[in-house]
């Protein structure tokens, strides 16, 4: 037994070196992208914002069918017609992912009408955009139900069949605010941190499940209606991401089977700084960057 443990201990650093070298080689060599021609993709919050761009990008890259979920029929219908004009089969269902019974009911309807979902993109989200004391209790609950619990319900609805087929991918459009919170968006930051923990646990749990993987995307501030009015102190130095860029990089991450993606790459520096700097220094960085006051001009969707 002792020799077995000793062998494992000696082998571990060799494995780590091998994996690091393999990752470095993959950065240099042209990647092999997953073929999407047989995939049925469901995008929550697919009627507008990043969700609409995700639907376009999956269609552009050859996905077999696109299914859109959302709460606003007008937006869903417009996006569906646009995807169909691109030559891709597309369907929409009105569904509030924060409503567990509605998720399970619509998931059954999707399977009966469209077929099995092989790529689930949890994109739907809301932001209240106020401090804790200024927030309405119902608005706080709404953020948690849609941004966090909604992923529990959608994943439970579609993951079992993916495991049976040994073909599936769970995608989460998260936010860098899951790793570095800001004032004025306590509902959003809390829900995204919970969502990140959910995806991290799920990703590890799928390691022994052949053919089924997960991807978590953590983008910086993206120029969509949801965060309308948010102001960055140095927009030239830290420009907001374009939703089409987030969509393109997300679909690429799925095709590369990438577990976690930070956008832009400079967000890796933020993670490192949070790990090594004292709290006082981090507070000064927040003040200097303007993240303490960026939500003061927040308006949100109109």
Protein backbone atom coordinates (compact mmCIF):
# COMPACT_ATOMS: atom_id res chain seq x y z
CA UNK A 1 0.00 0.00 0.00
CA UNK A 2 2.81 2.39 0.90
CA UNK A 3 4.53 1.79 -2.45
CA UNK A 4 1.26 2.47 -4.24
CA UNK A 5 0.88 5.85 -2.52
CA UNK A 6 4.52 6.67 -3.12
CA UNK A 7 4.16 5.89 -6.83
CA UNK A 8 1.08 8.09 -7.09
CA UNK A 9 2.92 10.90 -5.31
CA UNK A 10 5.86 10.71 -7.71
CA UNK A 11 3.61 10.46 -10.78
CA UNK A 12 1.48 13.48 -9.87
CA UNK A 13 4.04 16.24 -10.71
CA UNK A 14 4.86 14.46 -13.98
CA UNK A 15 1.17 14.53 -14.89
CA UNK A 16 0.99 18.24 -14.05
CA UNK A 17 3.97 19.04 -16.28
CA UNK A 18 2.50 16.96 -19.11
CA UNK A 19 -0.87 18.77 -18.91
CA UNK A 20 0.77 22.21 -18.86
CA UNK A 21 2.94 21.35 -21.88
CA UNK A 22 -0.07 19.89 -23.69
CA UNK A 23 -2.06 23.10 -23.07
CA UNK A 24 0.85 25.21 -24.33
CA UNK A 25 1.14 23.13 -27.51
CA UNK A 26 -2.62 23.45 -28.11
CA UNK A 27 -2.24 27.24 -28.00
CA UNK A 28 0.27 27.10 -30.85
CA UNK A 29 -1.20 24.39 -33.08
CA UNK A 30 -4.40 25.01 -35.08
CA UNK A 31 -7.29 23.72 -32.94
CA UNK A 32 -9.70 21.05 -34.12
CA UNK A 33 -13.22 22.44 -33.76
CA UNK A 34 -16.23 20.31 -32.90
CA UNK A 35 -18.68 19.76 -35.76
CA UNK A 36 -22.07 21.25 -34.88
CA UNK A 37 -24.05 19.91 -37.84
CA UNK A 38 -25.86 17.29 -35.73
CA UNK A 39 -26.44 19.45 -32.66
CA UNK A 40 -29.74 20.86 -31.39
CA UNK A 41 -28.97 24.03 -29.43
CA UNK A 42 -31.28 25.62 -26.87
CA UNK A 43 -30.51 29.20 -25.79
CA UNK A 44 -32.32 30.70 -22.81
CA UNK A 45 -32.85 34.43 -23.04
CA UNK A 46 -32.40 33.94 -26.75
CA UNK A 47 -34.61 36.75 -27.98
CA UNK A 48 -32.18 39.63 -27.50
CA UNK A 49 -28.78 40.75 -26.28
CA UNK A 50 -26.04 38.15 -26.10
CA UNK A 51 -28.64 35.39 -26.49
CA UNK A 52 -29.63 36.62 -29.95
CA UNK A 53 -25.99 36.80 -31.01
CA UNK A 54 -25.40 33.29 -29.66
CA UNK A 55 -28.28 31.97 -31.75
CA UNK A 56 -26.84 33.65 -34.83
CA UNK A 57 -23.35 32.30 -34.16
CA UNK A 58 -24.48 28.72 -33.61
CA UNK A 59 -26.53 28.94 -36.81
CA UNK A 60 -23.62 30.44 -38.73
CA UNK A 61 -21.38 27.60 -37.60
CA UNK A 62 -23.79 24.97 -38.85
CA UNK A 63 -25.92 23.88 -35.88
CA UNK A 64 -28.76 21.59 -36.97
CA UNK A 65 -31.56 23.27 -34.99
CA UNK A 66 -31.81 26.36 -32.78
CA UNK A 67 -34.39 26.58 -30.00
CA UNK A 68 -35.00 29.87 -28.21
CA UNK A 69 -36.47 30.38 -24.76
CA UNK A 70 -37.47 33.71 -23.32
CA UNK A 71 -40.25 35.76 -21.75
CA UNK A 72 -40.89 38.32 -24.52
CA UNK A 73 -42.59 36.81 -27.56
CA UNK A 74 -41.91 39.78 -29.84
CA UNK A 75 -38.13 39.44 -29.42
CA UNK A 76 -38.24 35.65 -29.71
CA UNK A 77 -40.28 35.82 -32.91
CA UNK A 78 -37.94 38.37 -34.51
CA UNK A 79 -34.84 36.32 -33.69
CA UNK A 80 -36.49 33.10 -34.88
CA UNK A 81 -37.34 34.65 -38.25
CA UNK A 82 -33.79 35.95 -38.57
CA UNK A 83 -32.29 32.51 -37.89
CA UNK A 84 -34.65 30.89 -40.39
CA UNK A 85 -33.56 33.43 -43.00
CA UNK A 86 -30.02 32.12 -42.44
CA UNK A 87 -31.25 28.67 -43.52
CA UNK A 88 -31.32 27.05 -40.07
CA UNK A 89 -34.37 25.45 -38.50
CA UNK A 90 -35.43 27.52 -35.49
CA UNK A 91 -38.23 27.35 -32.92
CA UNK A 92 -39.16 29.47 -29.92
CA UNK A 93 -40.99 28.77 -26.68
CA UNK A 94 -42.12 31.32 -24.11
CA UNK A 95 -40.55 30.22 -20.84
CA UNK A 96 -39.52 31.89 -17.58
CA UNK A 97 -36.53 29.84 -16.42
CA UNK A 98 -37.12 31.05 -12.86
CA UNK A 99 -40.37 29.06 -12.83
CA UNK A 100 -39.50 25.41 -12.18
CA UNK A 101 -42.83 23.93 -13.32
CA UNK A 102 -42.77 26.01 -16.50
CA UNK A 103 -39.21 24.86 -17.30
CA UNK A 104 -40.10 21.19 -16.95
CA UNK A 105 -43.31 21.64 -18.95
CA UNK A 106 -41.60 23.46 -21.82
CA UNK A 107 -38.66 21.03 -21.80
CA UNK A 108 -41.15 18.23 -22.44
CA UNK A 109 -42.75 20.28 -25.22
CA UNK A 110 -39.34 20.85 -26.85
CA UNK A 111 -38.53 17.13 -26.83
CA UNK A 112 -41.89 16.29 -28.37
CA UNK A 113 -41.83 19.00 -31.05
CA UNK A 114 -38.12 19.41 -31.89
CA UNK A 115 -36.20 16.45 -30.44
CA UNK A 116 -33.38 16.00 -27.95
CA UNK A 117 -31.31 19.00 -26.91
CA UNK A 118 -27.56 18.34 -27.13
CA UNK A 119 -26.26 21.82 -26.30
CA UNK A 120 -27.95 23.82 -23.55
CA UNK A 121 -26.90 27.47 -23.25
CA UNK A 122 -27.96 29.05 -19.95
CA UNK A 123 -27.85 32.71 -20.92
CA UNK A 124 -31.00 34.23 -19.40
CA UNK A 125 -30.29 36.78 -16.67
CA UNK A 126 -31.65 39.92 -15.03
CA UNK A 127 -30.06 42.69 -12.97
CA UNK A 128 -31.86 44.90 -10.46
CA UNK A 129 -28.97 47.36 -10.19
CA UNK A 130 -29.45 48.74 -6.68
CA UNK A 131 -27.81 48.49 -3.27
CA UNK A 132 -29.16 46.00 -0.75
CA UNK A 133 -31.06 48.57 1.31
CA UNK A 134 -32.59 50.17 -1.80
CA UNK A 135 -33.63 46.85 -3.32
CA UNK A 136 -37.15 45.50 -3.40
CA UNK A 137 -37.40 42.02 -1.88
CA UNK A 138 -39.30 40.61 -4.84
CA UNK A 139 -36.69 42.00 -7.26
CA UNK A 140 -33.92 40.34 -5.25
CA UNK A 141 -35.75 37.01 -5.36
CA UNK A 142 -36.33 37.37 -9.10
CA UNK A 143 -32.58 37.73 -9.72
CA UNK A 144 -31.78 34.60 -7.75
CA UNK A 145 -34.58 32.57 -9.35
CA UNK A 146 -33.62 33.47 -12.94
CA UNK A 147 -29.82 33.82 -12.71
CA UNK A 148 -29.10 30.88 -10.42
CA UNK A 149 -31.99 28.50 -9.76
CA UNK A 150 -33.06 28.65 -13.39
CA UNK A 151 -29.86 26.81 -14.29
CA UNK A 152 -30.70 24.07 -11.80
CA UNK A 153 -34.07 23.52 -13.45
CA UNK A 154 -32.90 23.66 -17.09
CA UNK A 155 -29.92 21.40 -16.43
CA UNK A 156 -32.06 18.88 -14.56
CA UNK A 157 -34.53 18.95 -17.45
CA UNK A 158 -32.02 18.22 -20.25
CA UNK A 159 -28.89 16.65 -18.73
CA UNK A 160 -30.33 13.13 -18.09
CA UNK A 161 -31.00 12.58 -21.80
CA UNK A 162 -27.54 13.92 -22.69
CA UNK A 163 -26.03 11.34 -20.36
CA UNK A 164 -28.09 8.60 -22.00
CA UNK A 165 -26.99 9.68 -25.48
CA UNK A 166 -23.40 10.26 -24.28
CA UNK A 167 -23.59 13.52 -26.21
CA UNK A 168 -24.19 16.88 -24.61
CA UNK A 169 -22.80 20.22 -23.51
CA UNK A 170 -23.98 22.58 -20.77
CA UNK A 171 -22.97 26.22 -21.30
CA UNK A 172 -23.26 29.05 -18.79
CA UNK A 173 -22.98 32.73 -19.73
CA UNK A 174 -21.73 34.03 -16.41
CA UNK A 175 -19.85 37.26 -15.60
CA UNK A 176 -16.48 38.36 -14.25
CA UNK A 177 -18.57 39.90 -11.44
CA UNK A 178 -18.89 36.36 -10.10
CA UNK A 179 -15.20 36.64 -9.18
CA UNK A 180 -14.98 40.35 -8.39
CA UNK A 181 -18.17 41.98 -7.13
CA UNK A 182 -19.06 45.68 -7.34
CA UNK A 183 -21.43 47.87 -5.30
CA UNK A 184 -24.82 48.65 -6.75
CA UNK A 185 -25.39 45.22 -8.27
CA UNK A 186 -25.54 43.04 -5.18
CA UNK A 187 -28.34 40.88 -6.59
CA UNK A 188 -26.48 40.20 -9.83
CA UNK A 189 -23.06 39.61 -8.27
CA UNK A 190 -24.49 37.21 -5.68
CA UNK A 191 -26.47 35.22 -8.23
CA UNK A 192 -23.52 35.00 -10.62
CA UNK A 193 -21.17 33.84 -7.85
CA UNK A 194 -23.68 31.10 -6.99
CA UNK A 195 -24.00 30.24 -10.66
CA UNK A 196 -20.22 29.96 -10.97
CA UNK A 197 -20.06 27.54 -8.03
CA UNK A 198 -22.87 25.53 -9.61
CA UNK A 199 -21.00 25.24 -12.90
CA UNK A 200 -17.65 24.49 -11.26
CA UNK A 201 -19.24 21.62 -9.31
CA UNK A 202 -21.14 20.40 -12.38
CA UNK A 203 -18.00 20.48 -14.55
CA UNK A 204 -16.09 18.34 -12.06
CA UNK A 205 -19.04 15.97 -11.74
CA UNK A 206 -19.08 15.40 -15.52
CA UNK A 207 -15.42 14.33 -15.72
CA UNK A 208 -16.40 10.65 -15.69
CA UNK A 209 -19.37 11.09 -18.03
CA UNK A 210 -18.28 10.26 -21.61
CA UNK A 211 -19.45 12.66 -24.29
CA UNK A 212 -20.91 15.26 -21.92
CA UNK A 213 -19.03 18.44 -20.97
CA UNK A 214 -19.56 21.97 -19.67
CA UNK A 215 -18.32 25.47 -20.46
CA UNK A 216 -18.50 28.56 -18.24
CA UNK A 217 -17.91 31.98 -19.83
CA UNK A 218 -17.02 34.94 -17.61
CA UNK A 219 -17.04 38.13 -19.70
CA UNK A 220 -16.21 41.67 -18.65
CA UNK A 221 -18.86 44.39 -19.02
CA UNK A 222 -20.66 43.85 -22.33
CA UNK A 223 -22.48 46.61 -24.21
CA UNK A 224 -26.06 45.31 -24.05
CA UNK A 225 -29.35 46.88 -22.96
CA UNK A 226 -29.29 44.98 -19.67
CA UNK A 227 -26.42 47.12 -18.33
CA UNK A 228 -27.43 50.32 -20.09
CA UNK A 229 -26.09 53.36 -18.26
CA UNK A 230 -23.20 51.60 -16.54
CA UNK A 231 -20.07 53.75 -16.84
CA UNK A 232 -16.45 52.60 -16.74
CA UNK A 233 -13.93 55.24 -15.62
CA UNK A 234 -11.38 54.43 -18.33
CA UNK A 235 -13.43 53.19 -21.32
CA UNK A 236 -10.45 53.52 -23.68
CA UNK A 237 -8.32 51.30 -21.45
CA UNK A 238 -11.13 48.87 -20.57
CA UNK A 239 -13.67 49.09 -23.41
CA UNK A 240 -16.91 47.14 -23.00
CA UNK A 241 -17.08 43.92 -24.95
CA UNK A 242 -19.28 43.65 -28.02
CA UNK A 243 -22.03 41.02 -27.65
CA UNK A 244 -21.09 39.47 -30.99
CA UNK A 245 -17.52 38.99 -29.70
CA UNK A 246 -18.78 37.24 -26.56
CA UNK A 247 -21.03 35.02 -28.71
CA UNK A 248 -18.23 34.11 -31.12
CA UNK A 249 -15.76 33.27 -28.36
CA UNK A 250 -18.42 31.28 -26.48
CA UNK A 251 -19.25 29.06 -29.44
CA UNK A 252 -15.52 28.57 -30.10
CA UNK A 253 -15.08 27.49 -26.46
CA UNK A 254 -17.86 24.93 -26.91
CA UNK A 255 -16.25 23.61 -30.09
CA UNK A 256 -12.89 23.38 -28.29
CA UNK A 257 -14.48 21.77 -25.22
CA UNK A 258 -13.01 24.53 -23.05
CA UNK A 259 -14.21 24.38 -19.46
CA UNK A 260 -13.70 28.02 -18.44
CA UNK A 261 -13.26 31.18 -20.50
CA UNK A 262 -12.44 34.66 -19.14
CA UNK A 263 -13.05 37.59 -21.51
CA UNK A 264 -10.90 39.49 -22.26
CA UNK A 265 -7.69 37.66 -21.34
CA UNK A 266 -6.69 40.56 -19.04
CA UNK A 267 -9.30 39.35 -16.56
CA UNK A 268 -6.81 36.61 -15.62
CA UNK A 269 -4.68 39.37 -14.12
CA UNK A 270 -7.63 40.39 -11.94
CA UNK A 271 -7.94 36.85 -10.60
CA UNK A 272 -4.22 36.72 -9.79
CA UNK A 273 -4.30 40.12 -8.06
CA UNK A 274 -7.23 39.05 -5.91
CA UNK A 275 -5.22 36.04 -4.81
CA UNK A 276 -2.06 37.87 -3.76
CA UNK A 277 -2.91 41.48 -2.81
CA UNK A 278 -4.16 42.59 0.61
CA UNK A 279 -7.74 43.83 0.86
CA UNK A 280 -6.68 47.46 1.27
CA UNK A 281 -4.80 47.34 -2.04
CA UNK A 282 -7.78 45.75 -3.80
CA UNK A 283 -10.03 48.52 -2.47
CA UNK A 284 -7.69 51.13 -3.95
CA UNK A 285 -7.78 49.35 -7.31
CA UNK A 286 -11.59 49.40 -7.23
CA UNK A 287 -11.60 53.12 -6.41
CA UNK A 288 -9.04 53.94 -9.10
CA UNK A 289 -10.84 51.92 -11.78
CA UNK A 290 -14.19 53.48 -10.88
CA UNK A 291 -15.94 50.18 -10.14
CA UNK A 292 -17.24 51.62 -6.84
CA UNK A 293 -19.32 54.18 -8.74
CA UNK A 294 -19.92 52.54 -12.14
CA UNK A 295 -23.53 51.63 -11.26
CA UNK A 296 -24.46 55.16 -10.17
CA UNK A 297 -25.67 55.96 -13.68
CA UNK A 298 -27.23 52.52 -14.28
CA UNK A 299 -30.58 52.51 -16.10
CA UNK A 300 -30.99 48.95 -17.33
CA UNK A 301 -33.46 47.83 -19.96
CA UNK A 302 -36.13 50.34 -20.87
